């Protein structure tokens, strides 16, 4: 277990959303760790950096820290990146100032 990990009650390694900041920036084209998102399950709004992230499977699973439901799934394959965002009601991405 690396220093950024904590053990949850099921014994799985968990990190915060900052650990996947680079991957989210690649997918969305913006820095995303400070972007607020609303959980589609419980309605709680959290910054993406505050989400609970599990990286030990074939992809990345991002869960709401309030209710534990899946918000995002990201799988990077050889030819494409797959994003399942059905667990997020919205993510607010600020526009850059001109």
N, C-alpha and C. Protein backbone atom coordinates (compact mmCIF):
# COMPACT_ATOMS: atom_id res chain seq x y z
N UNK A 1 0.86 -1.18 0.00
CA UNK A 1 0.00 0.00 0.00
C UNK A 1 0.90 1.23 0.00
N UNK A 2 0.64 2.19 -0.90
CA UNK A 2 1.44 3.40 -0.93
C UNK A 2 0.93 4.40 0.09
N UNK A 3 1.68 5.48 0.29
CA UNK A 3 1.38 6.44 1.35
C UNK A 3 0.06 7.15 1.18
N UNK A 4 -0.44 7.30 -0.08
CA UNK A 4 -1.70 8.02 -0.32
C UNK A 4 -2.92 7.16 -0.05
N UNK A 5 -2.75 5.87 0.13
CA UNK A 5 -3.87 4.95 0.27
C UNK A 5 -4.34 4.86 1.71
N UNK A 6 -5.61 4.56 1.86
CA UNK A 6 -6.16 4.22 3.16
C UNK A 6 -6.95 2.93 2.97
N UNK A 7 -7.20 2.25 4.02
CA UNK A 7 -7.99 1.02 3.92
C UNK A 7 -9.41 1.34 4.36
N UNK A 8 -10.38 0.95 3.53
CA UNK A 8 -11.76 1.15 3.93
C UNK A 8 -12.23 -0.08 4.69
N UNK A 9 -13.50 -0.11 5.07
CA UNK A 9 -14.00 -1.20 5.91
C UNK A 9 -13.99 -2.54 5.20
N UNK A 10 -13.92 -2.57 3.87
CA UNK A 10 -13.88 -3.83 3.15
C UNK A 10 -12.45 -4.28 2.89
N UNK A 11 -11.45 -3.45 3.26
CA UNK A 11 -10.07 -3.82 3.06
C UNK A 11 -9.52 -3.42 1.70
N UNK A 12 -10.32 -2.77 0.88
CA UNK A 12 -9.85 -2.33 -0.44
C UNK A 12 -9.08 -1.02 -0.31
N UNK A 13 -8.04 -0.84 -1.14
CA UNK A 13 -7.29 0.41 -1.13
C UNK A 13 -8.12 1.53 -1.72
N UNK A 14 -8.05 2.67 -1.10
CA UNK A 14 -8.81 3.83 -1.58
C UNK A 14 -7.90 5.04 -1.54
N UNK A 15 -8.00 5.87 -2.57
CA UNK A 15 -7.30 7.15 -2.61
C UNK A 15 -8.33 8.23 -2.89
N UNK A 16 -7.93 9.50 -2.74
CA UNK A 16 -8.89 10.55 -3.07
C UNK A 16 -8.79 10.90 -4.55
N UNK A 17 -9.71 11.72 -5.02
CA UNK A 17 -9.81 12.06 -6.42
C UNK A 17 -8.60 12.78 -6.99
N UNK A 18 -7.75 13.35 -6.12
CA UNK A 18 -6.54 13.99 -6.60
C UNK A 18 -5.61 12.99 -7.29
N UNK A 19 -5.70 11.72 -6.92
CA UNK A 19 -4.84 10.70 -7.50
C UNK A 19 -5.11 10.47 -8.98
N UNK A 20 -6.30 10.82 -9.44
CA UNK A 20 -6.63 10.64 -10.86
C UNK A 20 -6.82 11.99 -11.56
N UNK A 21 -6.25 13.04 -10.97
CA UNK A 21 -6.38 14.38 -11.55
C UNK A 21 -5.86 14.46 -12.97
N UNK A 22 -4.72 13.85 -13.24
CA UNK A 22 -4.15 13.87 -14.59
C UNK A 22 -5.02 13.14 -15.59
N UNK A 23 -5.55 11.99 -15.20
CA UNK A 23 -6.42 11.22 -16.09
C UNK A 23 -7.71 12.00 -16.37
N UNK A 24 -8.29 12.62 -15.34
CA UNK A 24 -9.52 13.40 -15.55
C UNK A 24 -9.25 14.61 -16.45
N UNK A 25 -8.08 15.23 -16.29
CA UNK A 25 -7.73 16.37 -17.16
C UNK A 25 -7.62 15.92 -18.61
N UNK A 26 -7.08 14.72 -18.84
CA UNK A 26 -6.97 14.20 -20.19
C UNK A 26 -8.37 13.94 -20.78
N UNK A 27 -9.24 13.36 -20.00
CA UNK A 27 -10.59 13.01 -20.48
C UNK A 27 -11.42 14.27 -20.73
N UNK A 28 -11.38 15.23 -19.79
CA UNK A 28 -12.24 16.41 -19.88
C UNK A 28 -11.57 17.63 -20.51
N UNK A 29 -10.25 17.60 -20.64
CA UNK A 29 -9.55 18.73 -21.24
C UNK A 29 -9.37 19.91 -20.32
N UNK A 30 -9.59 19.72 -19.03
CA UNK A 30 -9.45 20.78 -18.02
C UNK A 30 -8.95 20.15 -16.72
N UNK A 31 -8.40 20.98 -15.85
CA UNK A 31 -8.06 20.55 -14.50
C UNK A 31 -9.38 20.27 -13.78
N UNK A 32 -9.54 19.09 -13.24
CA UNK A 32 -10.85 18.69 -12.72
C UNK A 32 -10.93 18.48 -11.22
N UNK A 33 -9.83 18.48 -10.49
CA UNK A 33 -9.91 18.13 -9.08
C UNK A 33 -10.72 19.13 -8.25
N UNK A 34 -10.78 20.40 -8.67
CA UNK A 34 -11.56 21.40 -7.95
C UNK A 34 -12.97 21.56 -8.53
N UNK A 35 -13.29 20.84 -9.60
CA UNK A 35 -14.60 20.95 -10.23
C UNK A 35 -15.66 20.26 -9.37
N UNK A 36 -16.74 20.98 -9.04
CA UNK A 36 -17.80 20.35 -8.25
C UNK A 36 -18.68 19.46 -9.12
N UNK A 37 -19.09 18.34 -8.54
CA UNK A 37 -20.01 17.43 -9.21
C UNK A 37 -21.08 16.98 -8.25
N UNK A 38 -22.29 16.76 -8.77
CA UNK A 38 -23.42 16.32 -7.92
C UNK A 38 -23.65 14.83 -8.13
N UNK A 39 -23.70 14.09 -7.06
CA UNK A 39 -23.99 12.66 -7.11
C UNK A 39 -25.43 12.47 -7.58
N UNK A 40 -25.63 11.65 -8.59
CA UNK A 40 -26.98 11.38 -9.10
C UNK A 40 -27.80 10.53 -8.13
N UNK A 41 -27.15 9.90 -7.17
CA UNK A 41 -27.84 9.01 -6.23
C UNK A 41 -28.37 9.76 -5.01
N UNK A 42 -27.48 10.56 -4.36
CA UNK A 42 -27.89 11.22 -3.12
C UNK A 42 -27.99 12.74 -3.23
N UNK A 43 -27.50 13.31 -4.33
CA UNK A 43 -27.59 14.74 -4.54
C UNK A 43 -26.50 15.57 -3.90
N UNK A 44 -25.58 14.93 -3.21
CA UNK A 44 -24.49 15.65 -2.56
C UNK A 44 -23.53 16.21 -3.61
N UNK A 45 -23.07 17.45 -3.39
CA UNK A 45 -22.09 18.07 -4.28
C UNK A 45 -20.72 18.04 -3.60
N UNK A 46 -19.74 17.50 -4.31
CA UNK A 46 -18.36 17.44 -3.83
C UNK A 46 -17.43 17.82 -4.96
N UNK A 47 -16.26 18.34 -4.62
CA UNK A 47 -15.23 18.52 -5.62
C UNK A 47 -14.75 17.14 -6.06
N UNK A 48 -14.33 17.04 -7.31
CA UNK A 48 -13.87 15.75 -7.82
C UNK A 48 -12.69 15.23 -7.02
N UNK A 49 -11.85 16.13 -6.52
CA UNK A 49 -10.71 15.73 -5.70
C UNK A 49 -11.09 15.12 -4.37
N UNK A 50 -12.33 15.32 -3.92
CA UNK A 50 -12.79 14.77 -2.65
C UNK A 50 -13.46 13.41 -2.81
N UNK A 51 -13.67 12.98 -4.06
CA UNK A 51 -14.32 11.69 -4.30
C UNK A 51 -13.40 10.55 -3.84
N UNK A 52 -13.99 9.41 -3.57
CA UNK A 52 -13.23 8.21 -3.20
C UNK A 52 -12.92 7.45 -4.48
N UNK A 53 -11.66 7.11 -4.69
CA UNK A 53 -11.21 6.47 -5.92
C UNK A 53 -10.61 5.11 -5.61
N UNK A 54 -11.00 4.13 -6.41
CA UNK A 54 -10.48 2.77 -6.31
C UNK A 54 -9.82 2.44 -7.64
N UNK A 55 -8.52 2.08 -7.58
CA UNK A 55 -7.74 1.92 -8.80
C UNK A 55 -7.18 0.50 -8.96
N UNK A 56 -7.63 -0.45 -8.21
CA UNK A 56 -7.05 -1.79 -8.24
C UNK A 56 -7.68 -2.72 -9.27
N UNK A 57 -8.76 -2.31 -9.91
CA UNK A 57 -9.40 -3.16 -10.91
C UNK A 57 -8.87 -2.86 -12.30
N UNK A 58 -9.58 -3.32 -13.30
CA UNK A 58 -9.13 -3.06 -14.67
C UNK A 58 -9.31 -1.60 -15.09
N UNK A 59 -10.02 -0.84 -14.30
CA UNK A 59 -10.22 0.58 -14.57
C UNK A 59 -10.26 1.33 -13.26
N UNK A 60 -10.73 2.56 -13.32
CA UNK A 60 -10.82 3.42 -12.15
C UNK A 60 -12.30 3.58 -11.80
N UNK A 61 -12.62 3.42 -10.53
CA UNK A 61 -13.99 3.62 -10.05
C UNK A 61 -13.97 4.80 -9.08
N UNK A 62 -14.82 5.79 -9.34
CA UNK A 62 -14.93 6.98 -8.50
C UNK A 62 -16.27 6.92 -7.78
N UNK A 63 -16.24 7.00 -6.46
CA UNK A 63 -17.46 6.88 -5.65
C UNK A 63 -17.72 8.16 -4.87
N UNK A 64 -18.98 8.42 -4.62
CA UNK A 64 -19.40 9.55 -3.79
C UNK A 64 -18.95 9.30 -2.35
N UNK A 65 -18.29 10.28 -1.73
CA UNK A 65 -17.87 10.09 -0.34
C UNK A 65 -19.03 10.11 0.65
N UNK A 66 -20.18 10.63 0.24
CA UNK A 66 -21.34 10.71 1.14
C UNK A 66 -22.12 9.40 1.18
N UNK A 67 -22.43 8.84 0.00
CA UNK A 67 -23.28 7.64 -0.03
C UNK A 67 -22.57 6.39 -0.52
N UNK A 68 -21.38 6.54 -1.10
CA UNK A 68 -20.62 5.38 -1.56
C UNK A 68 -21.01 4.84 -2.92
N UNK A 69 -21.99 5.45 -3.57
CA UNK A 69 -22.40 4.97 -4.89
C UNK A 69 -21.39 5.37 -5.96
N UNK A 70 -21.37 4.62 -7.05
CA UNK A 70 -20.44 4.89 -8.15
C UNK A 70 -20.88 6.15 -8.89
N UNK A 71 -19.93 7.08 -9.09
CA UNK A 71 -20.17 8.32 -9.80
C UNK A 71 -19.60 8.23 -11.21
N UNK A 72 -18.36 7.75 -11.32
CA UNK A 72 -17.69 7.61 -12.62
C UNK A 72 -16.94 6.29 -12.67
N UNK A 73 -16.82 5.75 -13.88
CA UNK A 73 -15.93 4.64 -14.16
C UNK A 73 -15.11 5.03 -15.38
N UNK A 74 -13.81 4.79 -15.34
CA UNK A 74 -12.95 5.10 -16.47
C UNK A 74 -12.06 3.89 -16.74
N UNK A 75 -12.06 3.44 -17.98
CA UNK A 75 -11.19 2.34 -18.39
C UNK A 75 -10.37 2.82 -19.57
N UNK A 76 -9.05 2.72 -19.44
CA UNK A 76 -8.15 3.08 -20.53
C UNK A 76 -7.72 1.81 -21.24
N UNK A 77 -8.14 1.65 -22.50
CA UNK A 77 -7.76 0.50 -23.31
C UNK A 77 -6.70 0.95 -24.31
N UNK A 78 -6.20 0.02 -25.09
CA UNK A 78 -5.13 0.33 -26.04
C UNK A 78 -5.55 1.35 -27.08
N UNK A 79 -6.80 1.30 -27.51
CA UNK A 79 -7.24 2.17 -28.61
C UNK A 79 -8.24 3.24 -28.21
N UNK A 80 -8.70 3.25 -26.94
CA UNK A 80 -9.72 4.21 -26.55
C UNK A 80 -9.80 4.31 -25.03
N UNK A 81 -10.41 5.39 -24.56
CA UNK A 81 -10.74 5.55 -23.15
C UNK A 81 -12.25 5.49 -23.03
N UNK A 82 -12.74 4.65 -22.13
CA UNK A 82 -14.17 4.48 -21.93
C UNK A 82 -14.56 5.18 -20.64
N UNK A 83 -15.60 6.02 -20.70
CA UNK A 83 -16.08 6.78 -19.56
C UNK A 83 -17.55 6.48 -19.33
N UNK A 84 -17.88 6.03 -18.13
CA UNK A 84 -19.26 5.82 -17.72
C UNK A 84 -19.54 6.85 -16.63
N UNK A 85 -20.36 7.85 -16.94
CA UNK A 85 -20.62 8.94 -16.00
C UNK A 85 -22.08 8.98 -15.57
N UNK A 86 -22.77 7.85 -15.62
CA UNK A 86 -24.21 7.87 -15.30
C UNK A 86 -24.49 8.14 -13.83
N UNK A 87 -23.48 8.06 -12.96
CA UNK A 87 -23.69 8.31 -11.53
C UNK A 87 -23.50 9.75 -11.12
N UNK A 88 -23.20 10.63 -12.08
CA UNK A 88 -23.02 12.04 -11.76
C UNK A 88 -24.13 12.83 -12.45
N UNK A 89 -24.85 13.64 -11.66
CA UNK A 89 -25.93 14.45 -12.23
C UNK A 89 -25.36 15.60 -13.05
N UNK A 90 -24.26 16.19 -12.56
CA UNK A 90 -23.55 17.21 -13.33
C UNK A 90 -22.15 17.37 -12.78
N UNK A 91 -21.27 17.88 -13.61
CA UNK A 91 -19.94 18.36 -13.21
C UNK A 91 -19.81 19.77 -13.77
N UNK A 92 -19.45 20.70 -12.91
CA UNK A 92 -19.30 22.09 -13.34
C UNK A 92 -17.86 22.35 -13.73
N UNK A 93 -17.65 22.70 -15.02
CA UNK A 93 -16.32 23.00 -15.53
C UNK A 93 -16.28 24.48 -15.84
N UNK A 94 -15.47 25.22 -15.11
CA UNK A 94 -15.36 26.66 -15.31
C UNK A 94 -14.73 26.98 -16.65
N UNK A 95 -15.21 28.03 -17.29
CA UNK A 95 -14.60 28.52 -18.52
C UNK A 95 -13.37 29.34 -18.18
N UNK A 96 -12.38 29.28 -19.04
CA UNK A 96 -11.18 30.08 -18.84
C UNK A 96 -11.48 31.53 -19.22
N UNK A 97 -10.94 32.46 -18.45
CA UNK A 97 -11.11 33.88 -18.73
C UNK A 97 -10.29 34.26 -19.95
N UNK A 98 -10.85 35.18 -20.76
CA UNK A 98 -10.11 35.62 -21.94
C UNK A 98 -9.22 36.78 -21.62
